[in-house]
Amino acid sequence: MSSFDPRLIDDLARRLAASVPEGALALRRDLEQNFKGLLQSQLARLDLVTREEFDVQAAVLKRTREKLADLESRLSSLESGDT
C-alpha cells in the first residue's frame, strides 16, 4: 500500500472546511482537522499503489510478455525442426 502526499490531504481538508457556511467559522479549524483525519483513515483502508509503483509493474509485465513471446517463438521453431 502506498502513502499519499500529505499536502494533497491537507489541501482537500482545507477546501472541505472552507465550504462550511460563514456562520460556522469558529468550527472551521476543528472541521478541517476532522476532515483530514477522516480522509487519511479512509485512504489508508484502500489498497492502492503509487503511480511510480504502477509504472514499474507495468514495465515488468511488458518485459515478461516480450520474453514469453520470444520463448513461444523459439519453442515453435524447435518443434518444427527449424533452428
Protein backbone atom coordinates (compact mmCIF):
# COMPACT_ATOMS: atom_id res chain seq x y z
CA MET A 1 0.00 0.00 0.00
CA SER A 2 1.16 3.50 -0.63
CA SER A 3 1.13 6.67 1.33
CA PHE A 4 -0.38 9.84 -0.01
CA ASP A 5 1.24 13.21 -0.27
CA PRO A 6 0.18 14.90 2.98
CA ARG A 7 -0.06 18.22 1.14
CA LEU A 8 -2.86 16.83 -1.03
CA ILE A 9 -4.79 15.63 2.01
CA ASP A 10 -4.21 18.96 3.78
CA ASP A 11 -5.41 20.86 0.72
CA LEU A 12 -8.54 18.74 0.36
CA ALA A 13 -9.34 19.04 4.07
CA ARG A 14 -8.80 22.82 3.86
CA ARG A 15 -11.16 23.07 0.87
CA LEU A 16 -13.81 20.99 2.62
CA ALA A 17 -13.56 23.19 5.71
CA ALA A 18 -13.72 26.32 3.54
CA SER A 19 -17.07 25.13 2.20
CA VAL A 20 -18.56 25.46 5.70
CA PRO A 21 -21.06 28.34 5.93
CA GLU A 22 -19.77 31.65 7.23
CA GLY A 23 -21.76 31.30 10.48
CA ALA A 24 -19.68 28.28 11.45
CA LEU A 25 -16.25 29.90 11.10
CA ALA A 26 -15.37 29.01 14.68
CA LEU A 27 -15.80 25.35 13.79
CA ARG A 28 -13.76 25.57 10.61
CA ARG A 29 -10.41 24.66 12.21
CA ASP A 30 -11.88 21.68 14.05
CA LEU A 31 -13.69 20.56 10.92
CA GLU A 32 -10.50 20.84 8.89
CA GLN A 33 -8.70 18.56 11.35
CA ASN A 34 -11.63 16.13 11.39
CA PHE A 35 -11.80 16.09 7.59
CA LYS A 36 -8.06 15.49 7.44
CA GLY A 37 -8.26 12.57 9.87
CA LEU A 38 -11.23 11.08 8.08
CA LEU A 39 -9.56 11.37 4.68
CA GLN A 40 -6.35 9.80 5.95
CA SER A 41 -8.14 6.88 7.59
CA GLN A 42 -10.35 6.19 4.57
CA LEU A 43 -7.50 6.43 2.08
CA ALA A 44 -5.37 4.14 4.25
CA ARG A 45 -8.07 1.48 4.00
CA LEU A 46 -7.82 1.42 0.22
CA ASP A 47 -5.40 -1.00 -1.38
CA LEU A 48 -3.70 1.50 -3.69
CA VAL A 49 -0.27 1.87 -5.18
CA THR A 50 1.58 4.97 -6.26
CA ARG A 51 1.83 5.86 -9.93
CA GLU A 52 5.55 5.08 -9.76
CA GLU A 53 4.88 1.59 -8.40
CA PHE A 54 2.24 1.02 -11.07
CA ASP A 55 4.60 2.12 -13.85
CA VAL A 56 7.36 -0.19 -12.55
CA GLN A 57 5.00 -3.17 -12.50
CA ALA A 58 3.66 -2.30 -15.97
CA ALA A 59 7.25 -2.28 -17.30
CA VAL A 60 7.95 -5.65 -15.65
CA LEU A 61 4.80 -7.08 -17.19
CA LYS A 62 5.76 -5.73 -20.62
CA ARG A 63 9.22 -7.32 -20.41
CA THR A 64 7.68 -10.60 -19.23
CA ARG A 65 5.25 -10.62 -22.17
CA GLU A 66 8.10 -9.92 -24.59
CA LYS A 67 10.16 -12.78 -23.12
CA LEU A 68 7.15 -15.10 -23.28
CA ALA A 69 6.54 -14.23 -26.93
CA ASP A 70 10.22 -14.86 -27.69
CA LEU A 71 10.18 -18.21 -25.87
CA GLU A 72 6.98 -19.26 -27.64
CA SER A 73 8.57 -18.38 -30.97
CA ARG A 74 11.73 -20.33 -30.13
CA LEU A 75 9.70 -23.33 -28.93
CA SER A 76 7.60 -23.27 -32.08
CA SER A 77 10.79 -23.12 -34.14
CA LEU A 78 12.30 -26.08 -32.24
CA GLU A 79 9.11 -28.11 -32.59
CA SER A 80 9.04 -27.57 -36.34
CA GLY A 81 12.69 -28.58 -36.64
CA ASP A 82 13.95 -25.13 -37.61
CA THR A 83 16.95 -23.83 -35.69
